PDB file of N, CA and C in Angstrom:
ATOM      1  N   MET A   1      39.949   0.146 -15.328  1.00  0.00           N
ATOM      2  CA  MET A   1      40.346   0.869 -14.144  1.00  0.00           C
ATOM      3  C   MET A   1      39.608   2.203 -14.116  1.00  0.00           C
ATOM      4  N   THR A   2      38.993   2.524 -12.994  1.00  0.00           N
ATOM      5  CA  THR A   2      38.246   3.770 -12.892  1.00  0.00           C
ATOM      6  C   THR A   2      39.056   4.805 -12.113  1.00  0.00           C
ATOM      7  N   THR A   3      38.834   6.043 -12.463  1.00  0.00           N
ATOM      8  CA  THR A   3      39.495   7.140 -11.773  1.00  0.00           C
ATOM      9  C   THR A   3      38.469   7.809 -10.873  1.00  0.00           C
ATOM     10  N   ARG A   4      38.823   7.969  -9.609  1.00  0.00           N
ATOM     11  CA  ARG A   4      37.916   8.622  -8.678  1.00  0.00           C
ATOM     12  C   ARG A   4      38.346  10.069  -8.505  1.00  0.00           C
ATOM     13  N   THR A   5      37.384  10.953  -8.453  1.00  0.00           N
ATOM     14  CA  THR A   5      37.681  12.361  -8.234  1.00  0.00           C
ATOM     15  C   THR A   5      37.056  12.808  -6.923  1.00  0.00           C
ATOM     16  N   LEU A   6      37.605  13.867  -6.384  1.00  0.00           N
ATOM     17  CA  LEU A   6      37.051  14.422  -5.158  1.00  0.00           C
ATOM     18  C   LEU A   6      35.737  15.111  -5.452  1.00  0.00           C
ATOM     19  N   PRO A   7      34.782  15.034  -4.556  1.00  0.00           N
ATOM     20  CA  PRO A   7      33.551  15.798  -4.744  1.00  0.00           C
ATOM     21  C   PRO A   7      33.873  17.291  -4.800  1.00  0.00           C
ATOM     22  N   GLU A   8      33.041  18.051  -5.484  1.00  0.00           N
ATOM     23  CA  GLU A   8      33.265  19.487  -5.660  1.00  0.00           C
ATOM     24  C   GLU A   8      33.434  20.196  -4.322  1.00  0.00           C
ATOM     25  N   PHE A   9      32.627  19.837  -3.321  1.00  0.00           N
ATOM     26  CA  PHE A   9      32.702  20.464  -2.007  1.00  0.00           C
ATOM     27  C   PHE A   9      34.079  20.253  -1.387  1.00  0.00           C
ATOM     28  N   THR A  10      34.603  19.033  -1.467  1.00  0.00           N
ATOM     29  CA  THR A  10      35.913  18.725  -0.899  1.00  0.00           C
ATOM     30  C   THR A  10      37.008  19.456  -1.654  1.00  0.00           C
ATOM     31  N   ARG A  11      36.896  19.568  -2.966  1.00  0.00           N
ATOM     32  CA  ARG A  11      37.900  20.291  -3.746  1.00  0.00           C
ATOM     33  C   ARG A  11      37.928  21.761  -3.365  1.00  0.00           C
ATOM     34  N   ARG A  12      36.762  22.339  -3.126  1.00  0.00           N
ATOM     35  CA  ARG A  12      36.707  23.745  -2.711  1.00  0.00           C
ATOM     36  C   ARG A  12      37.360  23.931  -1.346  1.00  0.00           C
ATOM     37  N   GLN A  13      37.086  23.027  -0.430  1.00  0.00           N
ATOM     38  CA  GLN A  13      37.696  23.121   0.895  1.00  0.00           C
ATOM     39  C   GLN A  13      39.216  22.999   0.797  1.00  0.00           C
ATOM     40  N   LEU A  14      39.678  22.067  -0.006  1.00  0.00           N
ATOM     41  CA  LEU A  14      41.111  21.873  -0.190  1.00  0.00           C
ATOM     42  C   LEU A  14      41.745  23.111  -0.827  1.00  0.00           C
ATOM     43  N   ALA A  15      41.083  23.681  -1.803  1.00  0.00           N
ATOM     44  CA  ALA A  15      41.600  24.886  -2.454  1.00  0.00           C
ATOM     45  C   ALA A  15      41.681  26.045  -1.471  1.00  0.00           C
ATOM     46  N   LYS A  16      40.671  26.190  -0.622  1.00  0.00           N
ATOM     47  CA  LYS A  16      40.689  27.259   0.385  1.00  0.00           C
ATOM     48  C   LYS A  16      41.823  27.053   1.375  1.00  0.00           C
ATOM     49  N   ALA A  17      42.012  25.817   1.815  1.00  0.00           N
ATOM     50  CA  ALA A  17      43.074  25.529   2.780  1.00  0.00           C
ATOM     51  C   ALA A  17      44.448  25.806   2.174  1.00  0.00           C
ATOM     52  N   LEU A  18      44.650  25.379   0.939  1.00  0.00           N
ATOM     53  CA  LEU A  18      45.928  25.626   0.283  1.00  0.00           C
ATOM     54  C   LEU A  18      46.141  27.111   0.039  1.00  0.00           C
ATOM     55  N   GLY A  19      45.080  27.801  -0.337  1.00  0.00           N
ATOM     56  CA  GLY A  19      45.180  29.248  -0.530  1.00  0.00           C
ATOM     57  C   GLY A  19      45.538  29.949   0.767  1.00  0.00           C
ATOM     58  N   GLY A  20      44.950  29.507   1.862  1.00  0.00           N
ATOM     59  CA  GLY A  20      45.275  30.076   3.167  1.00  0.00           C
ATOM     60  C   GLY A  20      46.721  29.829   3.553  1.00  0.00           C
ATOM     61  N   ALA A  21      47.210  28.626   3.263  1.00  0.00           N
ATOM     62  CA  ALA A  21      48.610  28.315   3.569  1.00  0.00           C
ATOM     63  C   ALA A  21      49.560  29.201   2.768  1.00  0.00           C
ATOM     64  N   VAL A  22      49.237  29.426   1.504  1.00  0.00           N
ATOM     65  CA  VAL A  22      50.057  30.307   0.674  1.00  0.00           C
ATOM     66  C   VAL A  22      50.020  31.728   1.215  1.00  0.00           C
ATOM     67  N   LEU A  23      48.842  32.178   1.625  1.00  0.00           N
ATOM     68  CA  LEU A  23      48.698  33.520   2.186  1.00  0.00           C
ATOM     69  C   LEU A  23      49.505  33.669   3.470  1.00  0.00           C
ATOM     70  N   ILE A  24      49.424  32.688   4.348  1.00  0.00           N
ATOM     71  CA  ILE A  24      50.180  32.736   5.601  1.00  0.00           C
ATOM     72  C   ILE A  24      51.675  32.781   5.318  1.00  0.00           C
ATOM     73  N   THR A  25      52.131  31.963   4.369  1.00  0.00           N
ATOM     74  CA  THR A  25      53.548  31.945   4.021  1.00  0.00           C
ATOM     75  C   THR A  25      53.990  33.291   3.476  1.00  0.00           C
ATOM     76  N   GLY A  26      53.181  33.882   2.618  1.00  0.00           N
ATOM     77  CA  GLY A  26      53.517  35.191   2.060  1.00  0.00           C
ATOM     78  C   GLY A  26      53.575  36.265   3.127  1.00  0.00           C
ATOM     79  N   ILE A  27      52.646  36.229   4.056  1.00  0.00           N
ATOM     80  CA  ILE A  27      52.648  37.223   5.144  1.00  0.00           C
ATOM     81  C   ILE A  27      53.869  37.028   6.029  1.00  0.00           C
ATOM     82  N   ALA A  28      54.204  35.778   6.311  1.00  0.00           N
ATOM     83  CA  ALA A  28      55.376  35.524   7.153  1.00  0.00           C
ATOM     84  C   ALA A  28      56.645  36.040   6.490  1.00  0.00           C
ATOM     85  N   ARG A  29      56.759  35.849   5.179  1.00  0.00           N
ATOM     86  CA  ARG A  29      57.944  36.348   4.475  1.00  0.00           C
ATOM     87  C   ARG A  29      57.983  37.865   4.477  1.00  0.00           C
ATOM     88  N   SER A  30      56.848  38.490   4.212  1.00  0.00           N
ATOM     89  CA  SER A  30      56.833  39.952   4.204  1.00  0.00           C
ATOM     90  C   SER A  30      57.029  40.487   5.615  1.00  0.00           C
ATOM     91  N   THR A  31      56.554  39.758   6.617  1.00  0.00           N
ATOM     92  CA  THR A  31      56.741  40.155   8.004  1.00  0.00           C
ATOM     93  C   THR A  31      58.220  40.156   8.362  1.00  0.00           C
ATOM     94  N   ALA A  32      58.955  39.164   7.891  1.00  0.00           N
ATOM     95  CA  ALA A  32      60.386  39.100   8.171  1.00  0.00           C
ATOM     96  C   ALA A  32      61.097  40.315   7.585  1.00  0.00           C
ATOM     97  N   GLN A  33      60.682  40.764   6.400  1.00  0.00           N
ATOM     98  CA  GLN A  33      61.288  41.935   5.786  1.00  0.00           C
ATOM     99  C   GLN A  33      60.923  43.192   6.566  1.00  0.00           C
ATOM    100  N   VAL A  34      59.681  43.304   6.989  1.00  0.00           N
ATOM    101  CA  VAL A  34      59.243  44.466   7.761  1.00  0.00           C
ATOM    102  C   VAL A  34      59.916  44.458   9.130  1.00  0.00           C
ATOM    103  N   ARG A  35      60.085  43.294   9.712  1.00  0.00           N
ATOM    104  CA  ARG A  35      60.665  43.154  11.047  1.00  0.00           C
ATOM    105  C   ARG A  35      62.037  43.814  11.125  1.00  0.00           C
ATOM    106  N   ALA A  36      62.827  43.738  10.057  1.00  0.00           N
ATOM    107  CA  ALA A  36      64.147  44.357  10.058  1.00  0.00           C
ATOM    108  C   ALA A  36      64.032  45.874  10.196  1.00  0.00           C
ATOM    109  N   GLN A  37      62.940  46.451   9.722  1.00  0.00           N
ATOM    110  CA  GLN A  37      62.754  47.891   9.775  1.00  0.00           C
ATOM    111  C   GLN A  37      61.944  48.320  10.990  1.00  0.00           C
ATOM    112  N   ASP A  38      61.118  47.451  11.500  1.00  0.00           N
ATOM    113  CA  ASP A  38      60.178  47.792  12.553  1.00  0.00           C
ATOM    114  C   ASP A  38      60.322  46.799  13.710  1.00  0.00           C
ATOM    115  N   ALA A  39      60.558  47.301  14.917  1.00  0.00           N
ATOM    116  CA  ALA A  39      60.767  46.423  16.073  1.00  0.00           C
ATOM    117  C   ALA A  39      59.468  45.810  16.582  1.00  0.00           C
ATOM    118  N   GLU A  40      58.324  46.322  16.150  1.00  0.00           N
ATOM    119  CA  GLU A  40      57.025  45.825  16.626  1.00  0.00           C
ATOM    120  C   GLU A  40      56.624  44.548  15.878  1.00  0.00           C
ATOM    121  N   PRO A  41      56.137  43.520  16.598  1.00  0.00           N
ATOM    122  CA  PRO A  41      55.616  42.334  15.896  1.00  0.00           C
ATOM    123  C   PRO A  41      54.281  42.665  15.224  1.00  0.00           C
ATOM    124  N   VAL A  42      53.936  41.910  14.207  1.00  0.00           N
ATOM    125  CA  VAL A  42      52.659  42.075  13.522  1.00  0.00           C
ATOM    126  C   VAL A  42      51.564  41.542  14.437  1.00  0.00           C
ATOM    127  N   ARG A  43      50.512  42.324  14.647  1.00  0.00           N
ATOM    128  CA  ARG A  43      49.392  41.904  15.502  1.00  0.00           C
ATOM    129  C   ARG A  43      48.445  41.052  14.671  1.00  0.00           C
ATOM    130  N   VAL A  44      48.313  39.797  15.065  1.00  0.00           N
ATOM    131  CA  VAL A  44      47.528  38.823  14.308  1.00  0.00           C
ATOM    132  C   VAL A  44      46.445  38.236  15.209  1.00  0.00           C
ATOM    133  N   VAL A  45      45.252  38.086  14.656  1.00  0.00           N
ATOM    134  CA  VAL A  45      44.150  37.433  15.356  1.00  0.00           C
ATOM    135  C   VAL A  45      43.733  36.218  14.541  1.00  0.00           C
ATOM    136  N   ALA A  46      43.573  35.080  15.219  1.00  0.00           N
ATOM    137  CA  ALA A  46      43.032  33.867  14.598  1.00  0.00           C
ATOM    138  C   ALA A  46      41.720  33.552  15.306  1.00  0.00           C
ATOM    139  N   THR A  47      40.736  33.103  14.544  1.00  0.00           N
ATOM    140  CA  THR A  47      39.409  32.922  15.108  1.00  0.00           C
ATOM    141  C   THR A  47      39.279  31.723  16.040  1.00  0.00           C
ATOM    142  N   PHE A  48      40.092  30.666  15.826  1.00  0.00           N
ATOM    143  CA  PHE A  48      40.003  29.517  16.729  1.00  0.00           C
ATOM    144  C   PHE A  48      41.371  28.853  16.866  1.00  0.00           C
ATOM    145  N   SER A  49      41.504  27.973  17.841  1.00  0.00           N
ATOM    146  CA  SER A  49      42.803  27.470  18.286  1.00  0.00           C
ATOM    147  C   SER A  49      43.594  26.694  17.235  1.00  0.00           C
ATOM    148  N   ILE A  50      42.955  25.869  16.429  1.00  0.00           N
ATOM    149  CA  ILE A  50      43.695  25.095  15.430  1.00  0.00           C
ATOM    150  C   ILE A  50      44.291  26.036  14.382  1.00  0.00           C
ATOM    151  N   LEU A  51      43.513  26.987  13.937  1.00  0.00           N
ATOM    152  CA  LEU A  51      44.004  27.983  12.985  1.00  0.00           C
ATOM    153  C   LEU A  51      45.135  28.797  13.615  1.00  0.00           C
ATOM    154  N   ALA A  52      44.999  29.119  14.883  1.00  0.00           N
ATOM    155  CA  ALA A  52      46.043  29.864  15.593  1.00  0.00           C
ATOM    156  C   ALA A  52      47.345  29.070  15.640  1.00  0.00           C
ATOM    157  N   ASP A  53      47.265  27.756  15.817  1.00  0.00           N
ATOM    158  CA  ASP A  53      48.469  26.920  15.816  1.00  0.00           C
ATOM    159  C   ASP A  53      49.193  27.026  14.484  1.00  0.00           C
ATOM    160  N   TRP A  54      48.444  26.966  13.387  1.00  0.00           N
ATOM    161  CA  TRP A  54      49.060  27.083  12.054  1.00  0.00           C
ATOM    162  C   TRP A  54      49.732  28.437  11.887  1.00  0.00           C
ATOM    163  N   VAL A  55      49.018  29.488  12.258  1.00  0.00           N
ATOM    164  CA  VAL A  55      49.536  30.844  12.106  1.00  0.00           C
ATOM    165  C   VAL A  55      50.792  31.027  12.957  1.00  0.00           C
ATOM    166  N   GLN A  56      50.792  30.518  14.179  1.00  0.00           N
ATOM    167  CA  GLN A  56      51.957  30.643  15.062  1.00  0.00           C
ATOM    168  C   GLN A  56      53.159  29.910  14.489  1.00  0.00           C
ATOM    169  N   GLU A  57      52.924  28.730  13.910  1.00  0.00           N
ATOM    170  CA  GLU A  57      54.025  27.970  13.307  1.00  0.00           C
ATOM    171  C   GLU A  57      54.694  28.761  12.184  1.00  0.00           C
ATOM    172  N   VAL A  58      53.910  29.439  11.395  1.00  0.00           N
ATOM    173  CA  VAL A  58      54.461  30.188  10.263  1.00  0.00           C
ATOM    174  C   VAL A  58      55.017  31.536  10.716  1.00  0.00           C
ATOM    175  N   GLY A  59      54.278  32.252  11.551  1.00  0.00           N
ATOM    176  CA  GLY A  59      54.689  33.593  11.957  1.00  0.00           C
ATOM    177  C   GLY A  59      55.800  33.624  12.980  1.00  0.00           C
ATOM    178  N   GLY A  60      55.849  32.600  13.841  1.00  0.00           N
ATOM    179  CA  GLY A  60      56.904  32.515  14.851  1.00  0.00           C
ATOM    180  C   GLY A  60      56.983  33.748  15.731  1.00  0.00           C
ATOM    181  N   GLU A  61      58.195  34.210  15.943  1.00  0.00           N
ATOM    182  CA  GLU A  61      58.418  35.354  16.830  1.00  0.00           C
ATOM    183  C   GLU A  61      58.114  36.691  16.162  1.00  0.00           C
ATOM    184  N   ASN A  62      57.757  36.658  14.893  1.00  0.00           N
ATOM    185  CA  ASN A  62      57.460  37.890  14.164  1.00  0.00           C
ATOM    186  C   ASN A  62      56.039  38.392  14.381  1.00  0.00           C
ATOM    187  N   ILE A  63      55.226  37.592  15.086  1.00  0.00           N
ATOM    188  CA  ILE A  63      53.828  37.978  15.272  1.00  0.00           C
ATOM    189  C   ILE A  63      53.457  38.014  16.748  1.00  0.00           C
ATOM    190  N   GLU A  64      52.442  38.787  17.053  1.00  0.00           N
ATOM    191  CA  GLU A  64      51.794  38.805  18.366  1.00  0.00           C
ATOM    192  C   GLU A  64      50.398  38.249  18.123  1.00  0.00           C
ATOM    193  N   LEU A  65      50.160  37.008  18.549  1.00  0.00           N
ATOM    194  CA  LEU A  65      48.952  36.274  18.192  1.00  0.00           C
ATOM    195  C   LEU A  65      47.909  36.297  19.299  1.00  0.00           C
ATOM    196  N   THR A  66      46.676  36.581  18.912  1.00  0.00           N
ATOM    197  CA  THR A  66      45.524  36.491  19.802  1.00  0.00           C
ATOM    198  C   THR A  66      44.563  35.475  19.207  1.00  0.00           C
ATOM    199  N   THR A  67      44.075  34.547  20.031  1.00  0.00           N
ATOM    200  CA  THR A  67      43.100  33.550  19.590  1.00  0.00           C
ATOM    201  C   THR A  67      41.752  33.910  20.212  1.00  0.00           C
ATOM    202  N   ILE A  68      40.737  34.003  19.375  1.00  0.00           N
ATOM    203  CA  ILE A  68      39.418  34.391  19.870  1.00  0.00           C
ATOM    204  C   ILE A  68      38.739  33.242  20.617  1.00  0.00           C
ATOM    205  N   VAL A  69      38.525  32.110  19.971  1.00  0.00           N
ATOM    206  CA  VAL A  69      37.896  30.960  20.624  1.00  0.00           C
ATOM    207  C   VAL A  69      39.015  30.012  21.075  1.00  0.00           C
ATOM    208  N   PRO A  70      39.178  29.824  22.384  1.00  0.00           N
ATOM    209  CA  PRO A  70      40.276  28.996  22.885  1.00  0.00           C
ATOM    210  C   PRO A  70      40.061  27.509  22.590  1.00  0.00           C
ATOM    211  N   ALA A  71      41.116  26.734  22.788  1.00  0.00           N
ATOM    212  CA  ALA A  71      41.028  25.282  22.611  1.00  0.00           C
ATOM    213  C   ALA A  71      39.915  24.733  23.495  1.00  0.00           C
ATOM    214  N   GLY A  72      39.094  23.892  22.926  1.00  0.00           N
ATOM    215  CA  GLY A  72      37.978  23.309  23.658  1.00  0.00           C
ATOM    216  C   GLY A  72      36.732  24.184  23.678  1.00  0.00           C
ATOM    217  N   GLY A  73      36.848  25.411  23.156  1.00  0.00           N
ATOM    218  CA  GLY A  73      35.688  26.306  23.115  1.00  0.00           C
ATOM    219  C   GLY A  73      34.791  25.987  21.939  1.00  0.00           C
ATOM    220  N   ASP A  74      33.574  26.425  21.991  1.00  0.00           N
ATOM    221  CA  ASP A  74      32.613  26.213  20.916  1.00  0.00           C
ATOM    222  C   ASP A  74      32.329  27.561  20.251  1.00  0.00           C
ATOM    223  N   ALA A  75      32.680  27.677  19.001  1.00  0.00           N
ATOM    224  CA  ALA A  75      32.519  28.939  18.269  1.00  0.00           C
ATOM    225  C   ALA A  75      31.054  29.364  18.179  1.00  0.00           C
ATOM    226  N   HIS A  76      30.147  28.422  18.279  1.00  0.00           N
ATOM    227  CA  HIS A  76      28.727  28.747  18.150  1.00  0.00           C
ATOM    228  C   HIS A  76      28.144  29.376  19.411  1.00  0.00           C
ATOM    229  N   THR A  77      28.740  29.092  20.545  1.00  0.00           N
ATOM    230  CA  THR A  77      28.216  29.627  21.799  1.00  0.00           C
ATOM    231  C   THR A  77      29.187  30.578  22.485  1.00  0.00           C
ATOM    232  N   PHE A  78      30.339  30.809  21.875  1.00  0.00           N
ATOM    233  CA  PHE A  78      31.373  31.636  22.493  1.00  0.00           C
ATOM    234  C   PHE A  78      30.980  33.107  22.498  1.00  0.00           C
ATOM    235  N   ASP A  79      31.246  33.779  23.594  1.00  0.00           N
ATOM    236  CA  ASP A  79      30.969  35.208  23.729  1.00  0.00           C
ATOM    237  C   ASP A  79      32.298  35.918  24.008  1.00  0.00           C
ATOM    238  N   PRO A  80      32.814  36.703  23.065  1.00  0.00           N
ATOM    239  CA  PRO A  80      34.125  37.322  23.246  1.00  0.00           C
ATOM    240  C   PRO A  80      34.121  38.391  24.347  1.00  0.00           C
ATOM    241  N   THR A  81      35.259  38.530  24.980  1.00  0.00           N
ATOM    242  CA  THR A  81      35.433  39.555  26.001  1.00  0.00           C
ATOM    243  C   THR A  81      35.695  40.901  25.321  1.00  0.00           C
ATOM    244  N   PRO A  82      35.527  41.993  26.040  1.00  0.00           N
ATOM    245  CA  PRO A  82      35.855  43.304  25.453  1.00  0.00           C
ATOM    246  C   PRO A  82      37.314  43.394  24.990  1.00  0.00           C
ATOM    247  N   ASP A  83      38.239  42.750  25.715  1.00  0.00           N
ATOM    248  CA  ASP A  83      39.646  42.754  25.288  1.00  0.00           C
ATOM    249  C   ASP A  83      39.827  42.031  23.956  1.00  0.00           C
ATOM    250  N   GLN A  84      39.100  40.934  23.748  1.00  0.00           N
ATOM    251  CA  GLN A  84      39.195  40.204  22.490  1.00  0.00           C
ATOM    252  C   GLN A  84      38.621  41.027  21.332  1.00  0.00           C
ATOM    253  N   VAL A  85      37.535  41.715  21.586  1.00  0.00           N
ATOM    254  CA  VAL A  85      36.949  42.574  20.557  1.00  0.00           C
ATOM    255  C   VAL A  85      37.936  43.684  20.200  1.00  0.00           C
ATOM    256  N   ALA A  86      38.598  44.257  21.192  1.00  0.00           N
ATOM    257  CA  ALA A  86      39.593  45.304  20.946  1.00  0.00           C
ATOM    258  C   ALA A  86      40.775  44.757  20.156  1.00  0.00           C
ATOM    259  N   SER A  87      41.198  43.515  20.444  1.00  0.00           N
ATOM    260  CA  SER A  87      42.331  42.938  19.713  1.00  0.00           C
ATOM    261  C   SER A  87      41.996  42.755  18.235  1.00  0.00           C
ATOM    262  N   VAL A  88      40.739  42.444  17.929  1.00  0.00           N
ATOM    263  CA  VAL A  88      40.323  42.322  16.532  1.00  0.00           C
ATOM    264  C   VAL A  88      40.379  43.697  15.861  1.00  0.00           C
ATOM    265  N   ALA A  89      39.913  44.712  16.568  1.00  0.00           N
ATOM    266  CA  ALA A  89      39.913  46.071  16.010  1.00  0.00           C
ATOM    267  C   ALA A  89      41.331  46.584  15.767  1.00  0.00           C
ATOM    268  N   GLU A  90      42.279  46.150  16.581  1.00  0.00           N
ATOM    269  CA  GLU A  90      43.658  46.632  16.476  1.00  0.00           C
ATOM    270  C   GLU A  90      44.557  45.722  15.650  1.00  0.00           C
ATOM    271  N   ALA A  91      44.045  44.610  15.169  1.00  0.00           N
ATOM    272  CA  ALA A  91      44.865  43.626  14.452  1.00  0.00           C
ATOM    273  C   ALA A  91      45.340  44.154  13.104  1.00  0.00           C
ATOM    274  N   ASP A  92      46.545  43.735  12.743  1.00  0.00           N
ATOM    275  CA  ASP A  92      47.069  44.006  11.412  1.00  0.00           C
ATOM    276  C   ASP A  92      46.526  42.979  10.414  1.00  0.00           C
ATOM    277  N   VAL A  93      46.349  41.743  10.896  1.00  0.00           N
ATOM    278  CA  VAL A  93      45.876  40.639  10.050  1.00  0.00           C
ATOM    279  C   VAL A  93      44.914  39.780  10.876  1.00  0.00           C
ATOM    280  N   ILE A  94      43.820  39.343  10.235  1.00  0.00           N
ATOM    281  CA  ILE A  94      42.854  38.447  10.882  1.00  0.00           C
ATOM    282  C   ILE A  94      42.729  37.188  10.026  1.00  0.00           C
ATOM    283  N   PHE A  95      42.878  36.025  10.659  1.00  0.00           N
ATOM    284  CA  PHE A  95      42.718  34.751   9.964  1.00  0.00           C
ATOM    285  C   PHE A  95      41.438  34.102  10.445  1.00  0.00           C
ATOM    286  N   GLU A  96      40.603  33.699   9.470  1.00  0.00           N
ATOM    287  CA  GLU A  96      39.355  33.008   9.784  1.00  0.00           C
ATOM    288  C   GLU A  96      39.088  31.974   8.709  1.00  0.00           C
ATOM    289  N   ILE A  97      38.282  31.002   9.051  1.00  0.00           N
ATOM    290  CA  ILE A  97      37.837  30.002   8.087  1.00  0.00           C
ATOM    291  C   ILE A  97      36.312  30.000   8.168  1.00  0.00           C
ATOM    292  N   GLY A  98      35.682  30.036   7.047  1.00  0.00           N
ATOM    293  CA  GLY A  98      34.224  30.024   7.026  1.00  0.00           C
ATOM    294  C   GLY A  98      33.674  31.369   6.598  1.00  0.00           C
ATOM    295  N   LEU A  99      32.381  31.525   6.771  1.00  0.00           N
ATOM    296  CA  LEU A  99      31.727  32.759   6.342  1.00  0.00           C
ATOM    297  C   LEU A  99      31.940  33.885   7.307  1.00  0.00           C
TER     298      LEU A  99
END
């Protein structure tokens, strides 16, 4: 019987995804503690729609979420608006995947 292992590239991607999930969970927990002291939601920016869905699920009503590249958009050809650039500058937390 042979044992198959994941290629190194896939293991790195999986590790990054799991690390991101842990980070999001930790921020959501700390956000809940801060929320009791501060009426303002945490300003969060996600770089694209799928990542924004994950962040919204974890952050819930404790965050004010801005998505840079909307659903169906192409990150390679997308040109952000001045309001989107300002939201990145004012964000408390930015979530991105990739370089």
